[in-house]
Amino acid sequence: QVQLVERGGGLVMAGGSLRLSCAASGIDFSINELNWYRNAPGKQRELVAGITALGDAYYSDSVKGRCTISRDSVKNMAYLQMSSLKPEDTGVYYCNVATNWGTSYWGQGTQVTVSS
């Protein structure tokens, strides 16, 4: 059974940094596409960053230059390093794995709150 567990959210002042982590069991991060999404209050779920199985990373315009997605294939962990945080970065952040056969798995989410 696939399980994704996010950690690292919290309350941070604007301009601060956070590193989110996603621990996976039952699925191999290294051969699948990994994404971080967020649900901001009053907004639709947004793709924040992703990394392909080949290691190509992509970012939404809203976080480009402020976030870095990475994964540790040995530990089967994924990370989202966020810096220069803004109040509009507030939301619940979800780890997502999209497999080549069309299955999508989600974690339970971790809350990030950025105060001004």
Protein backbone atom coordinates (compact mmCIF):
# COMPACT_ATOMS: atom_id res chain seq x y z
CA GLN A 1 0.00 0.00 0.00
CA VAL A 2 1.30 3.42 -0.97
CA GLN A 3 1.67 5.98 1.79
CA LEU A 4 2.99 9.51 1.56
CA VAL A 5 3.62 11.50 4.72
CA GLU A 6 4.44 15.20 4.60
CA ARG A 7 6.21 17.04 7.39
CA GLY A 8 7.82 20.39 7.92
CA GLY A 9 4.94 22.82 7.76
CA GLY A 10 4.43 25.47 10.35
CA LEU A 11 4.10 29.14 11.10
CA VAL A 12 6.82 31.39 9.73
CA MET A 13 7.31 35.12 9.31
CA ALA A 14 7.33 36.60 5.84
CA GLY A 15 10.81 36.34 4.40
CA GLY A 16 11.53 33.15 6.28
CA SER A 17 12.21 29.65 5.06
CA LEU A 18 10.79 26.19 5.47
CA ARG A 19 11.73 22.78 4.19
CA LEU A 20 8.90 20.37 3.59
CA SER A 21 9.57 16.67 3.40
CA CYS A 22 7.61 13.78 2.02
CA ALA A 23 8.35 10.23 3.07
CA ALA A 24 7.12 7.49 0.78
CA SER A 25 6.44 3.84 1.38
CA GLY A 26 5.14 1.33 -1.11
CA ILE A 27 6.32 3.31 -4.13
CA ASP A 28 9.66 4.23 -5.62
CA PHE A 29 10.16 7.97 -5.98
CA SER A 30 13.05 7.56 -8.36
CA ILE A 31 10.98 6.13 -11.23
CA ASN A 32 7.91 8.30 -10.90
CA GLU A 33 6.97 11.94 -11.26
CA LEU A 34 6.82 13.74 -7.95
CA ASN A 35 4.88 16.94 -7.34
CA TRP A 36 4.11 19.40 -4.61
CA TYR A 37 0.69 21.06 -4.70
CA ARG A 38 -0.85 23.58 -2.39
CA ASN A 39 -4.38 24.53 -1.44
CA ALA A 40 -4.46 28.21 -0.56
CA PRO A 41 -7.53 29.60 1.23
CA GLY A 42 -10.24 30.40 -1.31
CA LYS A 43 -8.21 29.12 -4.25
CA GLN A 44 -8.02 25.97 -6.30
CA ARG A 45 -5.28 23.46 -5.71
CA GLU A 46 -2.14 24.69 -7.44
CA LEU A 47 0.85 22.78 -8.72
CA VAL A 48 3.82 24.42 -7.02
CA ALA A 49 6.72 22.29 -8.17
CA GLY A 50 7.47 18.94 -9.72
CA ILE A 51 10.31 16.71 -10.72
CA THR A 52 10.25 14.05 -13.38
CA ALA A 53 11.76 10.58 -13.12
CA LEU A 54 14.67 11.91 -15.18
CA GLY A 55 15.26 14.68 -12.68
CA ASP A 56 13.86 17.62 -14.62
CA ALA A 57 12.34 20.13 -12.23
CA TYR A 58 9.60 22.63 -12.93
CA TYR A 59 8.03 25.37 -10.86
CA SER A 60 4.99 27.56 -10.91
CA ASP A 61 5.63 31.20 -11.69
CA SER A 62 4.48 32.07 -8.19
CA VAL A 63 7.40 30.25 -6.54
CA LYS A 64 10.06 30.22 -9.24
CA GLY A 65 13.36 31.37 -7.82
CA ARG A 66 12.21 30.84 -4.23
CA CYS A 67 11.66 27.08 -4.10
CA THR A 68 13.73 24.03 -4.85
CA ILE A 69 12.32 20.54 -5.23
CA SER A 70 14.56 17.56 -4.67
CA ARG A 71 14.43 13.90 -3.85
CA ASP A 72 16.62 11.36 -2.15
CA SER A 73 16.22 8.08 -3.97
CA VAL A 74 18.08 6.13 -1.30
CA LYS A 75 15.83 7.33 1.51
CA ASN A 76 12.78 7.55 -0.78
CA MET A 77 12.18 11.07 0.43
CA ALA A 78 11.18 14.24 -1.38
CA TYR A 79 11.73 17.80 -0.29
CA LEU A 80 10.52 21.27 -1.07
CA GLN A 81 12.86 23.98 0.16
CA MET A 82 11.05 27.29 0.32
CA SER A 83 12.64 30.64 1.00
CA SER A 84 11.62 34.30 0.95
CA LEU A 85 8.18 33.14 1.95
CA LYS A 86 5.23 35.42 1.40
CA PRO A 87 1.80 35.49 3.04
CA GLU A 88 0.34 34.28 -0.25
CA ASP A 89 2.36 31.08 0.14
CA THR A 90 0.03 30.15 2.98
CA GLY A 91 -1.85 26.94 2.39
CA VAL A 92 -1.87 23.21 2.81
CA TYR A 93 0.95 21.59 0.88
CA TYR A 94 0.50 18.13 -0.54
CA CYS A 95 2.98 15.63 -1.84
CA ASN A 96 1.79 13.82 -4.97
CA VAL A 97 3.22 10.96 -6.97
CA ALA A 98 2.01 10.40 -10.52
CA THR A 99 2.91 7.03 -11.98
CA ASN A 100 3.47 6.16 -15.62
CA TRP A 101 0.30 4.06 -15.63
CA GLY A 102 -1.89 6.98 -14.62
CA THR A 103 -2.27 6.43 -10.90
CA SER A 104 -1.95 9.37 -8.56
CA TYR A 105 -1.19 9.19 -4.86
CA TRP A 106 -1.51 11.95 -2.29
CA GLY A 107 -0.30 12.62 1.19
CA GLN A 108 -2.44 14.08 3.93
CA GLY A 109 -0.92 17.55 3.60
CA THR A 110 1.01 19.86 5.85
CA GLN A 111 -0.08 23.37 6.77
CA VAL A 112 2.17 26.31 5.96
CA THR A 113 1.22 29.68 7.39
CA VAL A 114 3.21 32.78 6.53
CA SER A 115 2.51 35.82 8.65
CA SER A 116 3.17 39.34 7.48
